[in-house]
Amino acid sequence: MVDPSLYRPKNVPELPGVYRFRTQDDSVIYVGKAKNLKNRLNSYFTDITNLHPRTAMMVKTAAKVDWVTVHNEVEALQLEFTWIKAFNPRFNVRFRDNKTYPYLTLTLKEDYPQIAVTRGAKKKGNKYYGPFTHVWAIRQTMEQIIKVFPIRSCKDSVFRRHQLMKRPCLLGD
């Protein structure tokens, strides 16, 4: 175990970014993102007894911390996701279920484009927005998009059934 005060970073920028805690042998043990790197990293090096036990163990196990600044929170989220997938850090518990981040997807190759929440492999010809950390955030975004643009949100099977019955599926009567 390393004394965290020995590797506490100095001159951390007050910018959004992604950080990695590493061991002596450079293994990445935790990846995180921050709106303000200075504030976030300082929170790990205050009184360690105030940290969650798992977080305190991570800080004591680490021997160094590095970071990369980005332009905004979306870039930070994307880089965090990429690093978590690449390094599989043992102290990151989020996304351990092998689910990928959800995306808002717009199908473009259909006569009546569809908007939906998707995960996993991307299909050619679709437009993807995200990633989002929470599906509810995508659903709120979808509600706003549907209010402004007449786009379908129903599944293909429902849409085909409505076409056969000559009934609208675009949130119509």
N, C-alpha and C. Protein backbone atom coordinates (compact mmCIF):
# COMPACT_ATOMS: atom_id res chain seq x y z
N MET A 1 0.84 -1.19 0.00
CA MET A 1 0.00 0.00 0.00
C MET A 1 0.88 1.25 0.00
N VAL A 2 0.47 2.20 -0.80
CA VAL A 2 1.22 3.45 -0.93
C VAL A 2 0.47 4.56 -0.19
N ASP A 3 1.21 5.43 0.45
CA ASP A 3 0.60 6.58 1.11
C ASP A 3 0.13 7.54 0.01
N PRO A 4 -1.18 7.81 -0.06
CA PRO A 4 -1.71 8.67 -1.13
C PRO A 4 -1.07 10.05 -1.19
N SER A 5 -0.60 10.56 -0.07
CA SER A 5 0.02 11.89 -0.09
C SER A 5 1.31 11.91 -0.91
N LEU A 6 1.91 10.73 -1.11
CA LEU A 6 3.15 10.65 -1.89
C LEU A 6 2.93 10.85 -3.38
N TYR A 7 1.72 10.58 -3.86
CA TYR A 7 1.47 10.75 -5.29
C TYR A 7 0.34 11.74 -5.59
N ARG A 8 -0.05 12.52 -4.57
CA ARG A 8 -1.10 13.52 -4.79
C ARG A 8 -0.65 14.48 -5.89
N PRO A 9 -1.47 14.64 -6.93
CA PRO A 9 -1.06 15.48 -8.05
C PRO A 9 -1.10 16.97 -7.70
N LYS A 10 -0.22 17.71 -8.34
CA LYS A 10 -0.19 19.16 -8.19
C LYS A 10 -0.50 19.76 -9.57
N ASN A 11 -0.96 20.98 -9.58
CA ASN A 11 -1.23 21.69 -10.84
C ASN A 11 -2.24 20.96 -11.73
N VAL A 12 -3.30 20.49 -11.14
CA VAL A 12 -4.36 19.84 -11.92
C VAL A 12 -5.25 20.93 -12.52
N PRO A 13 -5.56 20.86 -13.81
CA PRO A 13 -6.39 21.89 -14.43
C PRO A 13 -7.85 21.82 -13.98
N GLU A 14 -8.51 22.95 -14.00
CA GLU A 14 -9.93 23.02 -13.66
C GLU A 14 -10.74 22.87 -14.95
N LEU A 15 -10.53 21.76 -15.63
CA LEU A 15 -11.17 21.49 -16.92
C LEU A 15 -11.82 20.12 -16.89
N PRO A 16 -12.73 19.85 -17.83
CA PRO A 16 -13.27 18.49 -17.92
C PRO A 16 -12.19 17.53 -18.40
N GLY A 17 -12.31 16.29 -17.98
CA GLY A 17 -11.33 15.30 -18.41
C GLY A 17 -11.59 13.93 -17.84
N VAL A 18 -10.66 13.04 -18.13
CA VAL A 18 -10.73 11.65 -17.68
C VAL A 18 -9.41 11.34 -16.98
N TYR A 19 -9.50 10.61 -15.88
CA TYR A 19 -8.30 10.31 -15.09
C TYR A 19 -8.18 8.80 -14.87
N ARG A 20 -6.93 8.36 -14.62
CA ARG A 20 -6.65 6.95 -14.36
C ARG A 20 -5.79 6.84 -13.11
N PHE A 21 -6.21 5.97 -12.21
CA PHE A 21 -5.36 5.61 -11.08
C PHE A 21 -4.60 4.36 -11.50
N ARG A 22 -3.28 4.35 -11.23
CA ARG A 22 -2.42 3.24 -11.64
C ARG A 22 -1.63 2.72 -10.44
N THR A 23 -1.22 1.45 -10.55
CA THR A 23 -0.37 0.84 -9.53
C THR A 23 1.10 1.11 -9.86
N GLN A 24 2.01 0.60 -9.00
CA GLN A 24 3.46 0.74 -9.23
C GLN A 24 3.86 0.20 -10.60
N ASP A 25 3.24 -0.91 -11.01
CA ASP A 25 3.61 -1.52 -12.29
C ASP A 25 2.82 -0.96 -13.47
N ASP A 26 2.17 0.18 -13.29
CA ASP A 26 1.42 0.90 -14.33
C ASP A 26 0.08 0.26 -14.72
N SER A 27 -0.38 -0.72 -13.98
CA SER A 27 -1.71 -1.29 -14.25
C SER A 27 -2.77 -0.26 -13.89
N VAL A 28 -3.74 -0.09 -14.77
CA VAL A 28 -4.84 0.85 -14.51
C VAL A 28 -5.84 0.14 -13.60
N ILE A 29 -6.13 0.75 -12.44
CA ILE A 29 -7.07 0.12 -11.50
C ILE A 29 -8.39 0.89 -11.39
N TYR A 30 -8.41 2.13 -11.90
CA TYR A 30 -9.66 2.89 -11.88
C TYR A 30 -9.62 3.98 -12.94
N VAL A 31 -10.74 4.15 -13.62
CA VAL A 31 -10.91 5.21 -14.61
C VAL A 31 -12.13 6.02 -14.19
N GLY A 32 -12.00 7.33 -14.23
CA GLY A 32 -13.13 8.19 -13.90
C GLY A 32 -13.14 9.43 -14.78
N LYS A 33 -14.26 10.13 -14.78
CA LYS A 33 -14.37 11.36 -15.55
C LYS A 33 -14.78 12.48 -14.60
N ALA A 34 -14.54 13.70 -15.03
CA ALA A 34 -14.87 14.85 -14.18
C ALA A 34 -15.20 16.07 -15.02
N LYS A 35 -16.12 16.87 -14.53
CA LYS A 35 -16.39 18.19 -15.14
C LYS A 35 -15.23 19.12 -14.81
N ASN A 36 -14.67 18.93 -13.62
CA ASN A 36 -13.56 19.74 -13.14
C ASN A 36 -12.54 18.78 -12.52
N LEU A 37 -11.47 18.51 -13.25
CA LEU A 37 -10.47 17.53 -12.79
C LEU A 37 -9.87 17.89 -11.44
N LYS A 38 -9.57 19.17 -11.24
CA LYS A 38 -8.94 19.59 -9.98
C LYS A 38 -9.82 19.25 -8.79
N ASN A 39 -11.10 19.63 -8.86
CA ASN A 39 -12.02 19.36 -7.75
C ASN A 39 -12.19 17.86 -7.53
N ARG A 40 -12.34 17.13 -8.63
CA ARG A 40 -12.59 15.69 -8.51
C ARG A 40 -11.39 14.97 -7.92
N LEU A 41 -10.21 15.24 -8.44
CA LEU A 41 -9.02 14.55 -7.94
C LEU A 41 -8.70 14.95 -6.51
N ASN A 42 -8.92 16.22 -6.17
CA ASN A 42 -8.69 16.64 -4.78
C ASN A 42 -9.59 15.89 -3.81
N SER A 43 -10.78 15.50 -4.27
CA SER A 43 -11.70 14.78 -3.38
C SER A 43 -11.14 13.42 -2.95
N TYR A 44 -10.25 12.84 -3.74
CA TYR A 44 -9.64 11.56 -3.38
C TYR A 44 -8.53 11.72 -2.34
N PHE A 45 -7.98 12.91 -2.22
CA PHE A 45 -6.80 13.11 -1.39
C PHE A 45 -7.06 13.94 -0.15
N THR A 46 -8.32 14.16 0.19
CA THR A 46 -8.63 14.82 1.45
C THR A 46 -8.51 13.77 2.54
N ASP A 47 -9.27 13.85 3.57
CA ASP A 47 -9.22 12.86 4.65
C ASP A 47 -9.72 11.51 4.14
N ILE A 48 -8.83 10.56 4.05
CA ILE A 48 -9.16 9.25 3.47
C ILE A 48 -10.20 8.49 4.30
N THR A 49 -10.31 8.83 5.57
CA THR A 49 -11.31 8.16 6.41
C THR A 49 -12.73 8.56 6.04
N ASN A 50 -12.88 9.66 5.31
CA ASN A 50 -14.21 10.10 4.87
C ASN A 50 -14.65 9.44 3.57
N LEU A 51 -13.74 8.73 2.91
CA LEU A 51 -14.06 8.07 1.65
C LEU A 51 -14.80 6.76 1.91
N HIS A 52 -15.57 6.33 0.92
CA HIS A 52 -16.20 5.00 0.97
C HIS A 52 -15.06 3.98 1.09
N PRO A 53 -15.25 2.90 1.84
CA PRO A 53 -14.16 1.93 2.03
C PRO A 53 -13.55 1.42 0.72
N ARG A 54 -14.38 1.18 -0.27
CA ARG A 54 -13.87 0.70 -1.55
C ARG A 54 -13.00 1.76 -2.23
N THR A 55 -13.45 3.01 -2.16
CA THR A 55 -12.68 4.11 -2.75
C THR A 55 -11.37 4.31 -1.99
N ALA A 56 -11.42 4.23 -0.67
CA ALA A 56 -10.21 4.36 0.14
C ALA A 56 -9.20 3.27 -0.22
N MET A 57 -9.68 2.05 -0.41
CA MET A 57 -8.81 0.94 -0.80
C MET A 57 -8.17 1.21 -2.16
N MET A 58 -8.95 1.74 -3.10
CA MET A 58 -8.43 2.06 -4.42
C MET A 58 -7.33 3.11 -4.33
N VAL A 59 -7.57 4.17 -3.56
CA VAL A 59 -6.59 5.25 -3.42
C VAL A 59 -5.32 4.72 -2.76
N LYS A 60 -5.44 3.82 -1.79
CA LYS A 60 -4.27 3.25 -1.11
C LYS A 60 -3.53 2.24 -2.00
N THR A 61 -4.25 1.58 -2.90
CA THR A 61 -3.64 0.60 -3.80
C THR A 61 -2.88 1.29 -4.93
N ALA A 62 -3.37 2.45 -5.35
CA ALA A 62 -2.74 3.18 -6.45
C ALA A 62 -1.40 3.77 -6.03
N ALA A 63 -0.57 4.04 -7.03
CA ALA A 63 0.73 4.66 -6.78
C ALA A 63 0.89 5.95 -7.58
N LYS A 64 -0.01 6.16 -8.53
CA LYS A 64 0.04 7.37 -9.34
C LYS A 64 -1.30 7.61 -10.01
N VAL A 65 -1.48 8.82 -10.46
CA VAL A 65 -2.70 9.19 -11.17
C VAL A 65 -2.31 10.09 -12.34
N ASP A 66 -2.94 9.85 -13.49
CA ASP A 66 -2.71 10.74 -14.63
C ASP A 66 -4.06 11.10 -15.23
N TRP A 67 -4.08 12.06 -16.11
CA TRP A 67 -5.35 12.52 -16.67
C TRP A 67 -5.13 13.09 -18.06
N VAL A 68 -6.25 13.21 -18.76
CA VAL A 68 -6.29 13.84 -20.08
C VAL A 68 -7.44 14.83 -20.05
N THR A 69 -7.20 16.06 -20.49
CA THR A 69 -8.28 17.04 -20.55
C THR A 69 -9.00 16.90 -21.88
N VAL A 70 -10.28 17.23 -21.87
CA VAL A 70 -11.11 17.19 -23.07
C VAL A 70 -11.89 18.51 -23.15
N HIS A 71 -12.64 18.67 -24.24
CA HIS A 71 -13.36 19.93 -24.45
C HIS A 71 -14.67 20.02 -23.68
N ASN A 72 -15.33 18.87 -23.46
CA ASN A 72 -16.65 18.92 -22.81
C ASN A 72 -16.96 17.58 -22.15
N GLU A 73 -18.11 17.54 -21.47
CA GLU A 73 -18.51 16.34 -20.74
C GLU A 73 -18.78 15.15 -21.65
N VAL A 74 -19.30 15.41 -22.85
CA VAL A 74 -19.59 14.31 -23.77
C VAL A 74 -18.30 13.61 -24.17
N GLU A 75 -17.28 14.39 -24.49
CA GLU A 75 -15.97 13.80 -24.82
C GLU A 75 -15.43 13.01 -23.63
N ALA A 76 -15.61 13.55 -22.43
CA ALA A 76 -15.14 12.85 -21.23
C ALA A 76 -15.85 11.52 -21.07
N LEU A 77 -17.15 11.52 -21.28
CA LEU A 77 -17.94 10.29 -21.17
C LEU A 77 -17.47 9.25 -22.18
N GLN A 78 -17.24 9.69 -23.41
CA GLN A 78 -16.79 8.76 -24.45
C GLN A 78 -15.41 8.19 -24.15
N LEU A 79 -14.50 9.05 -23.71
CA LEU A 79 -13.15 8.58 -23.39
C LEU A 79 -13.16 7.66 -22.17
N GLU A 80 -13.97 8.00 -21.17
CA GLU A 80 -14.08 7.14 -19.99
C GLU A 80 -14.55 5.75 -20.41
N PHE A 81 -15.58 5.70 -21.24
CA PHE A 81 -16.11 4.43 -21.72
C PHE A 81 -15.03 3.65 -22.47
N THR A 82 -14.31 4.32 -23.34
CA THR A 82 -13.25 3.67 -24.12
C THR A 82 -12.17 3.10 -23.21
N TRP A 83 -11.76 3.88 -22.23
CA TRP A 83 -10.71 3.42 -21.31
C TRP A 83 -11.19 2.28 -20.42
N ILE A 84 -12.42 2.34 -19.96
CA ILE A 84 -12.94 1.25 -19.13
C ILE A 84 -12.94 -0.05 -19.93
N LYS A 85 -13.37 0.03 -21.18
CA LYS A 85 -13.37 -1.17 -22.03
C LYS A 85 -11.95 -1.64 -22.32
N ALA A 86 -11.02 -0.71 -22.53
CA ALA A 86 -9.65 -1.07 -22.88
C ALA A 86 -8.86 -1.63 -21.70
N PHE A 87 -9.01 -1.03 -20.52
CA PHE A 87 -8.19 -1.40 -19.37
C PHE A 87 -8.88 -2.35 -18.40
N ASN A 88 -10.20 -2.43 -18.44
CA ASN A 88 -10.98 -3.26 -17.52
C ASN A 88 -10.49 -3.10 -16.07
N PRO A 89 -10.52 -1.86 -15.56
CA PRO A 89 -9.98 -1.61 -14.22
C PRO A 89 -10.78 -2.31 -13.13
N ARG A 90 -10.08 -2.87 -12.17
CA ARG A 90 -10.75 -3.70 -11.16
C ARG A 90 -11.63 -2.91 -10.21
N PHE A 91 -11.39 -1.62 -10.03
CA PHE A 91 -12.22 -0.83 -9.12
C PHE A 91 -13.41 -0.16 -9.81
N ASN A 92 -13.52 -0.28 -11.12
CA ASN A 92 -14.70 0.23 -11.82
C ASN A 92 -15.77 -0.84 -11.79
N VAL A 93 -16.90 -0.54 -11.19
CA VAL A 93 -17.97 -1.52 -11.13
C VAL A 93 -19.05 -1.23 -12.16
N ARG A 94 -19.13 0.03 -12.58
CA ARG A 94 -20.13 0.40 -13.57
C ARG A 94 -19.81 -0.27 -14.89
N PHE A 95 -20.81 -0.75 -15.59
CA PHE A 95 -20.68 -1.36 -16.90
C PHE A 95 -19.94 -2.69 -16.88
N ARG A 96 -19.86 -3.34 -15.71
CA ARG A 96 -19.23 -4.64 -15.62
C ARG A 96 -20.15 -5.74 -16.15
N ASP A 97 -21.42 -5.40 -16.39
CA ASP A 97 -22.38 -6.40 -16.84
C ASP A 97 -22.28 -6.65 -18.34
N ASN A 98 -21.24 -6.11 -18.97
CA ASN A 98 -21.00 -6.26 -20.40
C ASN A 98 -22.02 -5.56 -21.27
N LYS A 99 -22.89 -4.78 -20.68
CA LYS A 99 -23.77 -3.96 -21.48
C LYS A 99 -22.96 -2.78 -21.97
N THR A 100 -23.28 -2.32 -23.14
CA THR A 100 -22.63 -1.12 -23.62
C THR A 100 -23.51 0.07 -23.28
N TYR A 101 -22.98 1.24 -23.41
CA TYR A 101 -23.78 2.44 -23.17
C TYR A 101 -24.94 2.48 -24.17
N PRO A 102 -26.07 3.01 -23.75
CA PRO A 102 -27.18 3.15 -24.69
C PRO A 102 -26.98 4.38 -25.58
N TYR A 103 -27.49 4.26 -26.79
CA TYR A 103 -27.45 5.35 -27.77
C TYR A 103 -28.87 5.65 -28.24
N LEU A 104 -29.09 6.87 -28.65
CA LEU A 104 -30.32 7.23 -29.34
C LEU A 104 -30.03 6.98 -30.81
N THR A 105 -30.86 6.16 -31.46
CA THR A 105 -30.61 5.74 -32.83
C THR A 105 -31.71 6.23 -33.74
N LEU A 106 -31.31 6.73 -34.90
CA LEU A 106 -32.25 7.16 -35.92
C LEU A 106 -31.97 6.35 -37.18
N THR A 107 -33.00 5.61 -37.64
CA THR A 107 -32.83 4.83 -38.87
C THR A 107 -33.03 5.79 -40.04
N LEU A 108 -32.15 5.72 -41.02
CA LEU A 108 -32.21 6.67 -42.14
C LEU A 108 -32.56 6.01 -43.47
N LYS A 109 -32.48 4.70 -43.56
CA LYS A 109 -32.71 4.02 -44.83
C LYS A 109 -34.16 3.62 -45.05
N GLU A 110 -35.05 4.04 -44.17
CA GLU A 110 -36.45 3.65 -44.29
C GLU A 110 -37.27 4.83 -44.79
N ASP A 111 -38.42 4.53 -45.42
CA ASP A 111 -39.31 5.60 -45.86
C ASP A 111 -39.80 6.43 -44.68
N TYR A 112 -40.04 5.74 -43.56
CA TYR A 112 -40.48 6.39 -42.33
C TYR A 112 -39.43 6.10 -41.26
N PRO A 113 -38.48 7.01 -41.08
CA PRO A 113 -37.41 6.75 -40.11
C PRO A 113 -37.96 6.49 -38.71
N GLN A 114 -37.21 5.71 -37.97
CA GLN A 114 -37.59 5.33 -36.61
C GLN A 114 -36.54 5.86 -35.64
N ILE A 115 -37.01 6.26 -34.47
CA ILE A 115 -36.12 6.67 -33.39
C ILE A 115 -36.25 5.63 -32.28
N ALA A 116 -35.10 5.21 -31.72
CA ALA A 116 -35.14 4.15 -30.72
C ALA A 116 -33.90 4.21 -29.83
N VAL A 117 -33.97 3.49 -28.72
CA VAL A 117 -32.84 3.31 -27.82
C VAL A 117 -32.16 2.00 -28.23
N THR A 118 -30.85 2.04 -28.46
CA THR A 118 -30.14 0.81 -28.83
C THR A 118 -28.85 0.69 -28.02
N ARG A 119 -28.35 -0.54 -27.99
CA ARG A 119 -27.06 -0.85 -27.37
C ARG A 119 -26.34 -1.80 -28.31
N GLY A 120 -25.06 -1.92 -28.14
CA GLY A 120 -24.31 -2.93 -28.88
C GLY A 120 -23.88 -2.48 -30.26
N ALA A 121 -23.81 -3.45 -31.17
CA ALA A 121 -23.27 -3.22 -32.50
C ALA A 121 -24.08 -2.17 -33.26
N LYS A 122 -23.36 -1.35 -33.99
CA LYS A 122 -24.00 -0.31 -34.79
C LYS A 122 -24.21 -0.83 -36.21
N LYS A 123 -25.37 -0.48 -36.78
CA LYS A 123 -25.69 -0.90 -38.14
C LYS A 123 -25.43 0.24 -39.11
N LYS A 124 -24.91 -0.11 -40.26
CA LYS A 124 -24.63 0.87 -41.30
C LYS A 124 -25.94 1.50 -41.75
N GLY A 125 -25.91 2.79 -41.97
CA GLY A 125 -27.10 3.48 -42.45
C GLY A 125 -27.93 4.11 -41.35
N ASN A 126 -27.57 3.87 -40.10
CA ASN A 126 -28.27 4.50 -38.98
C ASN A 126 -27.40 5.63 -38.43
N LYS A 127 -28.04 6.59 -37.80
CA LYS A 127 -27.32 7.69 -37.15
C LYS A 127 -27.43 7.47 -35.64
N TYR A 128 -26.30 7.54 -34.94
CA TYR A 128 -26.26 7.27 -33.51
C TYR A 128 -25.86 8.53 -32.75
N TYR A 129 -26.57 8.79 -31.66
CA TYR A 129 -26.28 9.93 -30.80
C TYR A 129 -26.03 9.40 -29.39
N GLY A 130 -24.96 9.85 -28.80
CA GLY A 130 -24.61 9.37 -27.47
C GLY A 130 -23.12 9.18 -27.38
N PRO A 131 -22.70 8.41 -26.43
CA PRO A 131 -23.47 7.54 -25.54
C PRO A 131 -24.12 8.31 -24.40
N PHE A 132 -25.15 7.71 -23.84
CA PHE A 132 -25.83 8.22 -22.66
C PHE A 132 -25.50 7.28 -21.50
N THR A 133 -25.50 7.80 -20.30
CA THR A 133 -25.26 6.94 -19.15
C THR A 133 -26.56 6.34 -18.63
N HIS A 134 -27.68 6.98 -18.94
CA HIS A 134 -28.96 6.50 -18.43
C HIS A 134 -29.99 6.45 -19.56
N VAL A 135 -30.72 5.36 -19.62
CA VAL A 135 -31.76 5.22 -20.64
C VAL A 135 -32.84 6.28 -20.46
N TRP A 136 -33.15 6.63 -19.20
CA TRP A 136 -34.19 7.64 -18.99
C TRP A 136 -33.83 8.96 -19.65
N ALA A 137 -32.54 9.28 -19.74
CA ALA A 137 -32.11 10.52 -20.39
C ALA A 137 -32.39 10.47 -21.89
N ILE A 138 -32.21 9.29 -22.48
CA ILE A 138 -32.52 9.13 -23.90
C ILE A 138 -34.02 9.26 -24.11
N ARG A 139 -34.80 8.63 -23.25
CA ARG A 139 -36.26 8.68 -23.40
C ARG A 139 -36.77 10.12 -23.29
N GLN A 140 -36.20 10.90 -22.39
CA GLN A 140 -36.59 12.32 -22.29
C GLN A 140 -36.22 13.06 -23.57
N THR A 141 -35.04 12.77 -24.10
CA THR A 141 -34.61 13.39 -25.34
C THR A 141 -35.53 12.99 -26.49
N MET A 142 -35.89 11.71 -26.54
CA MET A 142 -36.80 11.22 -27.59
C MET A 142 -38.14 11.94 -27.52
N GLU A 143 -38.67 12.11 -26.33
CA GLU A 143 -39.96 12.80 -26.17
C GLU A 143 -39.90 14.20 -26.78
N GLN A 144 -38.81 14.90 -26.54
CA GLN A 144 -38.67 16.26 -27.08
C GLN A 144 -38.54 16.23 -28.60
N ILE A 145 -37.77 15.29 -29.12
CA ILE A 145 -37.59 15.17 -30.57
C ILE A 145 -38.92 14.86 -31.25
N ILE A 146 -39.68 13.94 -30.67
CA ILE A 146 -40.97 13.53 -31.25
C ILE A 146 -41.96 14.69 -31.23
N LYS A 147 -41.87 15.57 -30.24
CA LYS A 147 -42.76 16.74 -30.19
C LYS A 147 -42.49 17.68 -31.36
N VAL A 148 -41.23 17.77 -31.78
CA VAL A 148 -40.84 18.71 -32.83
C VAL A 148 -40.88 18.09 -34.22
N PHE A 149 -40.45 16.84 -34.33
CA PHE A 149 -40.37 16.18 -35.63
C PHE A 149 -41.33 15.00 -35.69
N PRO A 150 -42.06 14.86 -36.79
CA PRO A 150 -42.98 13.71 -36.92
C PRO A 150 -42.19 12.44 -37.27
N ILE A 151 -41.71 11.79 -36.27
CA ILE A 151 -40.89 10.60 -36.47
C ILE A 151 -41.48 9.46 -35.65
N ARG A 152 -41.39 8.28 -36.19
CA ARG A 152 -42.02 7.15 -35.49
C ARG A 152 -41.09 6.58 -34.42
N SER A 153 -41.72 6.13 -33.35
CA SER A 153 -40.96 5.50 -32.28
C SER A 153 -41.42 4.06 -32.06
N CYS A 154 -42.41 3.64 -32.86
CA CYS A 154 -42.92 2.27 -32.70
C CYS A 154 -41.98 1.27 -33.37
N LYS A 155 -42.07 0.03 -32.93
CA LYS A 155 -41.25 -1.04 -33.50
C LYS A 155 -41.72 -1.35 -34.92
N ASP A 156 -40.83 -1.98 -35.70
CA ASP A 156 -41.16 -2.31 -37.09
C ASP A 156 -42.42 -3.15 -37.21
N SER A 157 -42.58 -4.13 -36.31
CA SER A 157 -43.75 -5.01 -36.38
C SER A 157 -45.04 -4.22 -36.16
N VAL A 158 -45.03 -3.31 -35.23
CA VAL A 158 -46.21 -2.47 -34.96
C VAL A 158 -46.47 -1.57 -36.16
N PHE A 159 -45.42 -1.00 -36.71
CA PHE A 159 -45.56 -0.12 -37.86
C PHE A 159 -46.17 -0.87 -39.05
N ARG A 160 -45.67 -2.08 -39.35
CA ARG A 160 -46.22 -2.88 -40.47
C ARG A 160 -47.68 -3.22 -40.25
N ARG A 161 -48.03 -3.59 -39.01
CA ARG A 161 -49.42 -3.92 -38.70
C ARG A 161 -50.32 -2.70 -38.94
N HIS A 162 -49.87 -1.55 -38.52
CA HIS A 162 -50.66 -0.33 -38.72
C HIS A 162 -50.77 0.03 -40.20
N GLN A 163 -49.71 -0.23 -40.97
CA GLN A 163 -49.77 0.02 -42.41
C GLN A 163 -50.81 -0.88 -43.07
N LEU A 164 -50.83 -2.16 -42.68
CA LEU A 164 -51.81 -3.10 -43.24
C LEU A 164 -53.24 -2.67 -42.91
N MET A 165 -53.43 -2.11 -41.73
CA MET A 165 -54.77 -1.67 -41.32
C MET A 165 -55.06 -0.25 -41.80
N LYS A 166 -54.08 0.33 -42.52
CA LYS A 166 -54.22 1.70 -43.02
C LYS A 166 -54.51 2.69 -41.89
N ARG A 167 -53.77 2.49 -40.79
CA ARG A 167 -53.89 3.38 -39.63
C ARG A 167 -52.55 4.04 -39.38
N PRO A 168 -52.55 5.25 -38.86
CA PRO A 168 -51.27 5.91 -38.59
C PRO A 168 -50.54 5.28 -37.41
N CYS A 169 -49.24 5.41 -37.44
CA CYS A 169 -48.42 4.92 -36.35
C CYS A 169 -47.54 6.03 -35.79
N LEU A 170 -47.67 7.20 -36.33
CA LEU A 170 -46.83 8.31 -35.90
C LEU A 170 -47.49 9.06 -34.76
N LEU A 171 -47.78 8.33 -33.68
CA LEU A 171 -48.46 8.88 -32.52
C LEU A 171 -49.80 9.50 -32.91
N GLY A 172 -50.39 8.95 -33.96
CA GLY A 172 -51.69 9.46 -34.43
C GLY A 172 -52.84 8.71 -33.78
N ASP A 173 -54.04 9.05 -34.18
CA ASP A 173 -55.25 8.42 -33.62
C ASP A 173 -55.42 7.00 -34.11
